[in-house]
Amino acid sequence: SLQMNSLKPEDTAVYYCIGTARGSTYWGQGTQVTV
């Protein structure tokens, strides 16, 4: 999880979850955060 406090307009972005396993990086679908 990612708890985001004191959010700023510059935090606006699509956020992606990642996980690394056995030398590979896996990406989740993005989720939009708009401040």
Full PDB file with SEQRES, HELIX, SHEET, SSBOND, CRYST1, ORIGX, SCALE, CONECT and MASTER records, all heavy atoms in Angstrom:
SEQRES   1 A   35  SER LEU GLN MET ASN SER LEU LYS PRO GLU ASP THR ALA          
SEQRES   2 A   35  VAL TYR TYR CYS ILE GLY THR ALA ARG GLY SER THR TYR          
SEQRES   3 A   35  TRP GLY GLN GLY THR GLN VAL THR VAL                          
HELIX    1 AA1 PRO A    9  ASP A   11  5                                   3    
SHEET    1 AA1 2 ALA A  13  TYR A  15  0                                        
SHEET    2 AA1 2 THR A  31  VAL A  33 -1                                        
SHEET    1 AA2 2 ILE A  18  ALA A  21  0                                        
SHEET    2 AA2 2 SER A  24  TRP A  27 -1                                        
CRYST1    1.000    1.000    1.000  90.00  90.00  90.00 P 1           1          
ORIGX1      1.000000  0.000000  0.000000        0.00000                         
ORIGX2      0.000000  1.000000  0.000000        0.00000                         
ORIGX3      0.000000  0.000000  1.000000        0.00000                         
SCALE1      1.000000  0.000000  0.000000        0.00000                         
SCALE2      0.000000  1.000000  0.000000        0.00000                         
SCALE3      0.000000  0.000000  1.000000        0.00000                         
ATOM      1  N   SER A   1       0.838  -1.195   0.000  1.00  0.00           N  
ATOM      2  CA  SER A   1       0.000   0.000   0.000  1.00  0.00           C  
ATOM      3  C   SER A   1       0.871   1.241   0.000  1.00  0.00           C  
ATOM      4  O   SER A   1       2.052   1.190   0.353  1.00  0.00           O  
ATOM      5  CB  SER A   1      -0.921   0.004   1.224  1.00  0.00           C  
ATOM      6  OG  SER A   1      -0.157   0.049   2.416  1.00  0.00           O  
ATOM      7  N   LEU A   2       0.268   2.331  -0.397  1.00  0.00           N  
ATOM      8  CA  LEU A   2       0.947   3.628  -0.401  1.00  0.00           C  
ATOM      9  C   LEU A   2      -0.012   4.646   0.203  1.00  0.00           C  
ATOM     10  O   LEU A   2      -1.017   4.982  -0.416  1.00  0.00           O  
ATOM     11  CB  LEU A   2       1.354   4.038  -1.813  1.00  0.00           C  
ATOM     12  CG  LEU A   2       2.169   5.321  -1.906  1.00  0.00           C  
ATOM     13  CD1 LEU A   2       3.567   5.099  -1.317  1.00  0.00           C  
ATOM     14  CD2 LEU A   2       2.285   5.792  -3.358  1.00  0.00           C  
ATOM     15  N   GLN A   3       0.282   5.081   1.406  1.00  0.00           N  
ATOM     16  CA  GLN A   3      -0.493   6.116   2.055  1.00  0.00           C  
ATOM     17  C   GLN A   3       0.091   7.464   1.664  1.00  0.00           C  
ATOM     18  O   GLN A   3       1.269   7.717   1.919  1.00  0.00           O  
ATOM     19  CB  GLN A   3      -0.469   5.949   3.579  1.00  0.00           C  
ATOM     20  CG  GLN A   3      -1.222   7.024   4.332  1.00  0.00           C  
ATOM     21  CD  GLN A   3      -2.716   6.977   4.060  1.00  0.00           C  
ATOM     22  OE1 GLN A   3      -3.309   5.915   3.999  1.00  0.00           O  
ATOM     23  NE2 GLN A   3      -3.316   8.147   3.890  1.00  0.00           N  
ATOM     24  N   MET A   4      -0.724   8.287   1.045  1.00  0.00           N  
ATOM     25  CA  MET A   4      -0.260   9.569   0.536  1.00  0.00           C  
ATOM     26  C   MET A   4      -0.963  10.685   1.292  1.00  0.00           C  
ATOM     27  O   MET A   4      -2.187  10.824   1.203  1.00  0.00           O  
ATOM     28  CB  MET A   4      -0.539   9.670  -0.962  1.00  0.00           C  
ATOM     29  CG  MET A   4       0.053   8.529  -1.772  1.00  0.00           C  
ATOM     30  SD  MET A   4      -0.196   8.705  -3.554  1.00  0.00           S  
ATOM     31  CE  MET A   4      -1.971   8.497  -3.653  1.00  0.00           C  
ATOM     32  N   ASN A   5      -0.188  11.455   2.030  1.00  0.00           N  
ATOM     33  CA  ASN A   5      -0.715  12.571   2.804  1.00  0.00           C  
ATOM     34  C   ASN A   5      -0.161  13.894   2.278  1.00  0.00           C  
ATOM     35  O   ASN A   5       0.831  13.906   1.540  1.00  0.00           O  
ATOM     36  CB  ASN A   5      -0.342  12.420   4.278  1.00  0.00           C  
ATOM     37  CG  ASN A   5      -0.933  11.166   4.901  1.00  0.00           C  
ATOM     38  OD1 ASN A   5      -2.014  10.717   4.534  1.00  0.00           O  
ATOM     39  ND2 ASN A   5      -0.217  10.589   5.855  1.00  0.00           N  
ATOM     40  N   SER A   6      -0.793  14.965   2.676  1.00  0.00           N  
ATOM     41  CA  SER A   6      -0.351  16.308   2.265  1.00  0.00           C  
ATOM     42  C   SER A   6      -0.111  16.366   0.760  1.00  0.00           C  
ATOM     43  O   SER A   6       0.914  16.865   0.291  1.00  0.00           O  
ATOM     44  CB  SER A   6       0.927  16.690   3.019  1.00  0.00           C  
ATOM     45  OG  SER A   6       0.736  16.654   4.411  1.00  0.00           O  
ATOM     46  N   LEU A   7      -1.063  15.885   0.018  1.00  0.00           N  
ATOM     47  CA  LEU A   7      -0.907  15.803  -1.431  1.00  0.00           C  
ATOM     48  C   LEU A   7      -0.831  17.184  -2.070  1.00  0.00           C  
ATOM     49  O   LEU A   7      -1.478  18.140  -1.618  1.00  0.00           O  
ATOM     50  CB  LEU A   7      -2.055  15.003  -2.036  1.00  0.00           C  
ATOM     51  CG  LEU A   7      -1.907  13.477  -1.861  1.00  0.00           C  
ATOM     52  CD1 LEU A   7      -3.249  12.774  -2.051  1.00  0.00           C  
ATOM     53  CD2 LEU A   7      -0.882  12.941  -2.844  1.00  0.00           C  
ATOM     54  N   LYS A   8      -0.032  17.251  -3.111  1.00  0.00           N  
ATOM     55  CA  LYS A   8       0.196  18.494  -3.842  1.00  0.00           C  
ATOM     56  C   LYS A   8      -0.247  18.304  -5.290  1.00  0.00           C  
ATOM     57  O   LYS A   8      -0.265  17.183  -5.800  1.00  0.00           O  
ATOM     58  CB  LYS A   8       1.679  18.845  -3.809  1.00  0.00           C  
ATOM     59  CG  LYS A   8       2.286  18.957  -2.424  1.00  0.00           C  
ATOM     60  CD  LYS A   8       3.775  19.205  -2.512  1.00  0.00           C  
ATOM     61  CE  LYS A   8       4.415  19.292  -1.127  1.00  0.00           C  
ATOM     62  NZ  LYS A   8       5.893  19.527  -1.213  1.00  0.00           N  
ATOM     63  N   PRO A   9      -0.562  19.389  -5.980  1.00  0.00           N  
ATOM     64  CA  PRO A   9      -0.939  19.259  -7.394  1.00  0.00           C  
ATOM     65  C   PRO A   9       0.124  18.528  -8.221  1.00  0.00           C  
ATOM     66  O   PRO A   9      -0.219  17.799  -9.156  1.00  0.00           O  
ATOM     67  CB  PRO A   9      -1.093  20.717  -7.839  1.00  0.00           C  
ATOM     68  CG  PRO A   9      -1.514  21.426  -6.594  1.00  0.00           C  
ATOM     69  CD  PRO A   9      -0.752  20.759  -5.492  1.00  0.00           C  
ATOM     70  N   GLU A  10       1.385  18.700  -7.866  1.00  0.00           N  
ATOM     71  CA  GLU A  10       2.443  18.032  -8.616  1.00  0.00           C  
ATOM     72  C   GLU A  10       2.508  16.532  -8.367  1.00  0.00           C  
ATOM     73  O   GLU A  10       3.288  15.826  -9.012  1.00  0.00           O  
ATOM     74  CB  GLU A  10       3.814  18.669  -8.309  1.00  0.00           C  
ATOM     75  CG  GLU A  10       4.140  18.809  -6.839  1.00  0.00           C  
ATOM     76  CD  GLU A  10       3.814  20.200  -6.302  1.00  0.00           C  
ATOM     77  OE1 GLU A  10       2.736  20.745  -6.656  1.00  0.00           O  
ATOM     78  OE2 GLU A  10       4.634  20.721  -5.522  1.00  0.00           O  
ATOM     79  N   ASP A  11       1.700  16.027  -7.455  1.00  0.00           N  
ATOM     80  CA  ASP A  11       1.596  14.584  -7.266  1.00  0.00           C  
ATOM     81  C   ASP A  11       0.628  13.958  -8.273  1.00  0.00           C  
ATOM     82  O   ASP A  11       0.515  12.727  -8.333  1.00  0.00           O  
ATOM     83  CB  ASP A  11       1.123  14.262  -5.851  1.00  0.00           C  
ATOM     84  CG  ASP A  11       2.141  14.645  -4.783  1.00  0.00           C  
ATOM     85  OD1 ASP A  11       3.341  14.401  -4.999  1.00  0.00           O  
ATOM     86  OD2 ASP A  11       1.720  15.197  -3.743  1.00  0.00           O  
ATOM     87  N   THR A  12      -0.062  14.789  -9.013  1.00  0.00           N  
ATOM     88  CA  THR A  12      -0.989  14.292 -10.018  1.00  0.00           C  
ATOM     89  C   THR A  12      -0.249  13.456 -11.055  1.00  0.00           C  
ATOM     90  O   THR A  12       0.726  13.914 -11.649  1.00  0.00           O  
ATOM     91  CB  THR A  12      -1.714  15.456 -10.715  1.00  0.00           C  
ATOM     92  OG1 THR A  12      -2.522  16.147  -9.753  1.00  0.00           O  
ATOM     93  CG2 THR A  12      -2.588  14.950 -11.851  1.00  0.00           C  
ATOM     94  N   ALA A  13      -0.703  12.228 -11.239  1.00  0.00           N  
ATOM     95  CA  ALA A  13      -0.038  11.304 -12.159  1.00  0.00           C  
ATOM     96  C   ALA A  13      -0.826  10.001 -12.202  1.00  0.00           C  
ATOM     97  O   ALA A  13      -1.746   9.785 -11.409  1.00  0.00           O  
ATOM     98  CB  ALA A  13       1.388  11.017 -11.703  1.00  0.00           C  
ATOM     99  N   VAL A  14      -0.430   9.143 -13.116  1.00  0.00           N  
ATOM    100  CA  VAL A  14      -0.896   7.762 -13.093  1.00  0.00           C  
ATOM    101  C   VAL A  14       0.110   6.969 -12.267  1.00  0.00           C  
ATOM    102  O   VAL A  14       1.316   7.014 -12.541  1.00  0.00           O  
ATOM    103  CB  VAL A  14      -1.008   7.173 -14.511  1.00  0.00           C  
ATOM    104  CG1 VAL A  14      -1.427   5.712 -14.438  1.00  0.00           C  
ATOM    105  CG2 VAL A  14      -2.011   7.973 -15.334  1.00  0.00           C  
ATOM    106  N   TYR A  15      -0.384   6.270 -11.275  1.00  0.00           N  
ATOM    107  CA  TYR A  15       0.479   5.518 -10.372  1.00  0.00           C  
ATOM    108  C   TYR A  15       0.427   4.028 -10.730  1.00  0.00           C  
ATOM    109  O   TYR A  15      -0.654   3.465 -10.935  1.00  0.00           O  
ATOM    110  CB  TYR A  15       0.039   5.726  -8.924  1.00  0.00           C  
ATOM    111  CG  TYR A  15       0.445   7.066  -8.369  1.00  0.00           C  
ATOM    112  CD1 TYR A  15      -0.143   8.236  -8.845  1.00  0.00           C  
ATOM    113  CD2 TYR A  15       1.433   7.184  -7.407  1.00  0.00           C  
ATOM    114  CE1 TYR A  15       0.239   9.480  -8.366  1.00  0.00           C  
ATOM    115  CE2 TYR A  15       1.821   8.424  -6.909  1.00  0.00           C  
ATOM    116  CZ  TYR A  15       1.223   9.563  -7.399  1.00  0.00           C  
ATOM    117  OH  TYR A  15       1.615  10.797  -6.917  1.00  0.00           O  
ATOM    118  N   TYR A  16       1.601   3.415 -10.784  1.00  0.00           N  
ATOM    119  CA  TYR A  16       1.731   2.014 -11.163  1.00  0.00           C  
ATOM    120  C   TYR A  16       2.359   1.212 -10.030  1.00  0.00           C  
ATOM    121  O   TYR A  16       3.382   1.623  -9.468  1.00  0.00           O  
ATOM    122  CB  TYR A  16       2.603   1.870 -12.408  1.00  0.00           C  
ATOM    123  CG  TYR A  16       2.057   2.509 -13.650  1.00  0.00           C  
ATOM    124  CD1 TYR A  16       2.346   3.834 -13.965  1.00  0.00           C  
ATOM    125  CD2 TYR A  16       1.240   1.788 -14.524  1.00  0.00           C  
ATOM    126  CE1 TYR A  16       1.844   4.434 -15.108  1.00  0.00           C  
ATOM    127  CE2 TYR A  16       0.734   2.372 -15.676  1.00  0.00           C  
ATOM    128  CZ  TYR A  16       1.039   3.697 -15.958  1.00  0.00           C  
ATOM    129  OH  TYR A  16       0.531   4.279 -17.088  1.00  0.00           O  
ATOM    130  N   CYS A  17       1.768   0.078  -9.753  1.00  0.00           N  
ATOM    131  CA  CYS A  17       2.340  -0.860  -8.791  1.00  0.00           C  
ATOM    132  C   CYS A  17       3.353  -1.733  -9.516  1.00  0.00           C  
ATOM    133  O   CYS A  17       3.142  -2.111 -10.670  1.00  0.00           O  
ATOM    134  CB  CYS A  17       1.216  -1.721  -8.215  1.00  0.00           C  
ATOM    135  SG  CYS A  17       1.750  -3.059  -7.143  1.00  0.00           S  
ATOM    136  N   ILE A  18       4.465  -2.040  -8.862  1.00  0.00           N  
ATOM    137  CA  ILE A  18       5.465  -2.912  -9.458  1.00  0.00           C  
ATOM    138  C   ILE A  18       5.883  -3.996  -8.465  1.00  0.00           C  
ATOM    139  O   ILE A  18       5.787  -3.840  -7.266  1.00  0.00           O  
ATOM    140  CB  ILE A  18       6.713  -2.128  -9.930  1.00  0.00           C  
ATOM    141  CG1 ILE A  18       7.467  -1.548  -8.723  1.00  0.00           C  
ATOM    142  CG2 ILE A  18       6.333  -1.061 -10.924  1.00  0.00           C  
ATOM    143  CD1 ILE A  18       8.744  -2.310  -8.385  1.00  0.00           C  
ATOM    144  N   GLY A  19       6.378  -5.081  -9.052  1.00  0.00           N  
ATOM    145  CA  GLY A  19       6.943  -6.141  -8.251  1.00  0.00           C  
ATOM    146  C   GLY A  19       8.086  -6.774  -9.018  1.00  0.00           C  
ATOM    147  O   GLY A  19       7.992  -6.944 -10.229  1.00  0.00           O  
ATOM    148  N   THR A  20       9.170  -7.085  -8.316  1.00  0.00           N  
ATOM    149  CA  THR A  20      10.301  -7.714  -8.980  1.00  0.00           C  
ATOM    150  C   THR A  20      10.427  -9.145  -8.481  1.00  0.00           C  
ATOM    151  O   THR A  20      10.283  -9.429  -7.284  1.00  0.00           O  
ATOM    152  CB  THR A  20      11.610  -6.962  -8.698  1.00  0.00           C  
ATOM    153  OG1 THR A  20      11.920  -7.051  -7.310  1.00  0.00           O  
ATOM    154  CG2 THR A  20      11.489  -5.506  -9.096  1.00  0.00           C  
ATOM    155  N   ALA A  21      10.714 -10.022  -9.419  1.00  0.00           N  
ATOM    156  CA  ALA A  21      10.852 -11.433  -9.087  1.00  0.00           C  
ATOM    157  C   ALA A  21      11.788 -12.091 -10.089  1.00  0.00           C  
ATOM    158  O   ALA A  21      11.583 -11.966 -11.291  1.00  0.00           O  
ATOM    159  CB  ALA A  21       9.499 -12.124  -9.100  1.00  0.00           C  
ATOM    160  N   ARG A  22      12.819 -12.752  -9.556  1.00  0.00           N  
ATOM    161  CA  ARG A  22      13.754 -13.511 -10.400  1.00  0.00           C  
ATOM    162  C   ARG A  22      14.278 -12.672 -11.554  1.00  0.00           C  
ATOM    163  O   ARG A  22      14.330 -13.125 -12.708  1.00  0.00           O  
ATOM    164  CB  ARG A  22      13.078 -14.778 -10.923  1.00  0.00           C  
ATOM    165  CG  ARG A  22      12.699 -15.726  -9.799  1.00  0.00           C  
ATOM    166  CD  ARG A  22      11.912 -16.910 -10.295  1.00  0.00           C  
ATOM    167  NE  ARG A  22      11.555 -17.811  -9.203  1.00  0.00           N  
ATOM    168  CZ  ARG A  22      10.732 -18.837  -9.323  1.00  0.00           C  
ATOM    169  NH1 ARG A  22      10.174 -19.100 -10.478  1.00  0.00           N  
ATOM    170  NH2 ARG A  22      10.468 -19.602  -8.289  1.00  0.00           N  
ATOM    171  N   GLY A  23      14.626 -11.430 -11.253  1.00  0.00           N  
ATOM    172  CA  GLY A  23      15.254 -10.579 -12.241  1.00  0.00           C  
ATOM    173  C   GLY A  23      14.307  -9.860 -13.177  1.00  0.00           C  
ATOM    174  O   GLY A  23      14.747  -9.075 -14.019  1.00  0.00           O  
ATOM    175  N   SER A  24      13.025 -10.121 -13.043  1.00  0.00           N  
ATOM    176  CA  SER A  24      12.043  -9.459 -13.911  1.00  0.00           C  
ATOM    177  C   SER A  24      11.209  -8.478 -13.097  1.00  0.00           C  
ATOM    178  O   SER A  24      10.983  -8.691 -11.913  1.00  0.00           O  
ATOM    179  CB  SER A  24      11.120 -10.494 -14.563  1.00  0.00           C  
ATOM    180  OG  SER A  24      11.846 -11.356 -15.409  1.00  0.00           O  
ATOM    181  N   THR A  25      10.756  -7.430 -13.764  1.00  0.00           N  
ATOM    182  CA  THR A  25       9.877  -6.443 -13.133  1.00  0.00           C  
ATOM    183  C   THR A  25       8.498  -6.561 -13.755  1.00  0.00           C  
ATOM    184  O   THR A  25       8.361  -6.538 -14.980  1.00  0.00           O  
ATOM    185  CB  THR A  25      10.417  -5.021 -13.309  1.00  0.00           C  
ATOM    186  OG1 THR A  25      11.698  -4.929 -12.684  1.00  0.00           O  
ATOM    187  CG2 THR A  25       9.481  -4.006 -12.669  1.00  0.00           C  
ATOM    188  N   TYR A  26       7.507  -6.680 -12.901  1.00  0.00           N  
ATOM    189  CA  TYR A  26       6.123  -6.791 -13.346  1.00  0.00           C  
ATOM    190  C   TYR A  26       5.380  -5.515 -12.972  1.00  0.00           C  
ATOM    191  O   TYR A  26       5.617  -4.921 -11.919  1.00  0.00           O  
ATOM    192  CB  TYR A  26       5.456  -8.009 -12.694  1.00  0.00           C  
ATOM    193  CG  TYR A  26       6.125  -9.307 -13.057  1.00  0.00           C  
ATOM    194  CD1 TYR A  26       7.190  -9.806 -12.295  1.00  0.00           C  
ATOM    195  CD2 TYR A  26       5.723 -10.029 -14.170  1.00  0.00           C  
ATOM    196  CE1 TYR A  26       7.830 -10.983 -12.638  1.00  0.00           C  
ATOM    197  CE2 TYR A  26       6.351 -11.211 -14.520  1.00  0.00           C  
ATOM    198  CZ  TYR A  26       7.408 -11.687 -13.745  1.00  0.00           C  
ATOM    199  OH  TYR A  26       8.029 -12.857 -14.101  1.00  0.00           O  
ATOM    200  N   TRP A  27       4.477  -5.109 -13.851  1.00  0.00           N  
ATOM    201  CA  TRP A  27       3.733  -3.871 -13.667  1.00  0.00           C  
ATOM    202  C   TRP A  27       2.239  -4.154 -13.579  1.00  0.00           C  
ATOM    203  O   TRP A  27       1.702  -4.953 -14.346  1.00  0.00           O  
ATOM    204  CB  TRP A  27       3.978  -2.925 -14.838  1.00  0.00           C  
ATOM    205  CG  TRP A  27       5.404  -2.478 -14.949  1.00  0.00           C  
ATOM    206  CD1 TRP A  27       6.438  -3.148 -15.546  1.00  0.00           C  
ATOM    207  CD2 TRP A  27       5.955  -1.253 -14.453  1.00  0.00           C  
ATOM    208  NE1 TRP A  27       7.600  -2.426 -15.428  1.00  0.00           N  
ATOM    209  CE2 TRP A  27       7.336  -1.256 -14.778  1.00  0.00           C  
ATOM    210  CE3 TRP A  27       5.428  -0.162 -13.761  1.00  0.00           C  
ATOM    211  CZ2 TRP A  27       8.182  -0.201 -14.430  1.00  0.00           C  
ATOM    212  CZ3 TRP A  27       6.267   0.893 -13.427  1.00  0.00           C  
ATOM    213  CH2 TRP A  27       7.628   0.860 -13.760  1.00  0.00           C  
ATOM    214  N   GLY A  28       1.603  -3.469 -12.648  1.00  0.00           N  
ATOM    215  CA  GLY A  28       0.156  -3.512 -12.591  1.00  0.00           C  
ATOM    216  C   GLY A  28      -0.437  -2.457 -13.504  1.00  0.00           C  
ATOM    217  O   GLY A  28       0.286  -1.676 -14.125  1.00  0.00           O  
ATOM    218  N   GLN A  29      -1.752  -2.423 -13.574  1.00  0.00           N  
ATOM    219  CA  GLN A  29      -2.390  -1.380 -14.372  1.00  0.00           C  
ATOM    220  C   GLN A  29      -2.267  -0.061 -13.610  1.00  0.00           C  
ATOM    221  O   GLN A  29      -2.139  -0.046 -12.414  1.00  0.00           O  
ATOM    222  CB  GLN A  29      -3.866  -1.732 -14.637  1.00  0.00           C  
ATOM    223  CG  GLN A  29      -4.858  -1.246 -13.592  1.00  0.00           C  
ATOM    224  CD  GLN A  29      -4.862  -2.040 -12.316  1.00  0.00           C  
ATOM    225  OE1 GLN A  29      -4.004  -2.873 -12.074  1.00  0.00           O  
ATOM    226  NE2 GLN A  29      -5.836  -1.758 -11.468  1.00  0.00           N  
ATOM    227  N   GLY A  30      -2.261   1.006 -14.287  1.00  0.00           N  
ATOM    228  CA  GLY A  30      -2.138   2.305 -13.640  1.00  0.00           C  
ATOM    229  C   GLY A  30      -3.436   2.743 -12.987  1.00  0.00           C  
ATOM    230  O   GLY A  30      -4.526   2.330 -13.385  1.00  0.00           O  
ATOM    231  N   THR A  31      -3.299   3.578 -11.975  1.00  0.00           N  
ATOM    232  CA  THR A  31      -4.463   4.177 -11.341  1.00  0.00           C  
ATOM    233  C   THR A  31      -4.220   5.681 -11.248  1.00  0.00           C  
ATOM    234  O   THR A  31      -3.148   6.121 -10.840  1.00  0.00           O  
ATOM    235  CB  THR A  31      -4.748   3.558  -9.965  1.00  0.00           C  
ATOM    236  OG1 THR A  31      -5.946   4.122  -9.417  1.00  0.00           O  
ATOM    237  CG2 THR A  31      -3.614   3.784  -8.975  1.00  0.00           C  
ATOM    238  N   GLN A  32      -5.218   6.448 -11.652  1.00  0.00           N  
ATOM    239  CA  GLN A  32      -5.050   7.897 -11.744  1.00  0.00           C  
ATOM    240  C   GLN A  32      -5.211   8.547 -10.377  1.00  0.00           C  
ATOM    241  O   GLN A  32      -6.176   8.281  -9.651  1.00  0.00           O  
ATOM    242  CB  GLN A  32      -6.075   8.492 -12.711  1.00  0.00           C  
ATOM    243  CG  GLN A  32      -6.038   9.997 -12.829  1.00  0.00           C  
ATOM    244  CD  GLN A  32      -4.802  10.504 -13.562  1.00  0.00           C  
ATOM    245  OE1 GLN A  32      -4.428   9.959 -14.597  1.00  0.00           O  
ATOM    246  NE2 GLN A  32      -4.174  11.545 -13.024  1.00  0.00           N  
ATOM    247  N   VAL A  33      -4.287   9.415 -10.060  1.00  0.00           N  
ATOM    248  CA  VAL A  33      -4.379  10.273  -8.870  1.00  0.00           C  
ATOM    249  C   VAL A  33      -4.358  11.712  -9.354  1.00  0.00           C  
ATOM    250  O   VAL A  33      -3.429  12.121 -10.055  1.00  0.00           O  
ATOM    251  CB  VAL A  33      -3.213  10.025  -7.898  1.00  0.00           C  
ATOM    252  CG1 VAL A  33      -3.220  11.067  -6.782  1.00  0.00           C  
ATOM    253  CG2 VAL A  33      -3.301   8.620  -7.311  1.00  0.00           C  
ATOM    254  N   THR A  34      -5.395  12.453  -9.019  1.00  0.00           N  
ATOM    255  CA  THR A  34      -5.497  13.846  -9.414  1.00  0.00           C  
ATOM    256  C   THR A  34      -5.650  14.706  -8.168  1.00  0.00           C  
ATOM    257  O   THR A  34      -6.559  14.483  -7.365  1.00  0.00           O  
ATOM    258  CB  THR A  34      -6.690  14.076 -10.348  1.00  0.00           C  
ATOM    259  OG1 THR A  34      -6.561  13.240 -11.507  1.00  0.00           O  
ATOM    260  CG2 THR A  34      -6.761  15.533 -10.788  1.00  0.00           C  
ATOM    261  N   VAL A  35      -4.742  15.662  -8.019  1.00  0.00           N  
ATOM    262  CA  VAL A  35      -4.779  16.575  -6.877  1.00  0.00           C  
ATOM    263  C   VAL A  35      -5.119  17.963  -7.416  1.00  0.00           C  
ATOM    264  O   VAL A  35      -4.313  18.591  -8.095  1.00  0.00           O  
ATOM    265  CB  VAL A  35      -3.441  16.605  -6.133  1.00  0.00           C  
ATOM    266  CG1 VAL A  35      -3.555  17.489  -4.882  1.00  0.00           C  
ATOM    267  CG2 VAL A  35      -3.007  15.198  -5.760  1.00  0.00           C  
TER     268      VAL A  35                                                      
MASTER        0    0    0    1    4    0    0    6  267    1    0    3          
END                                                                             
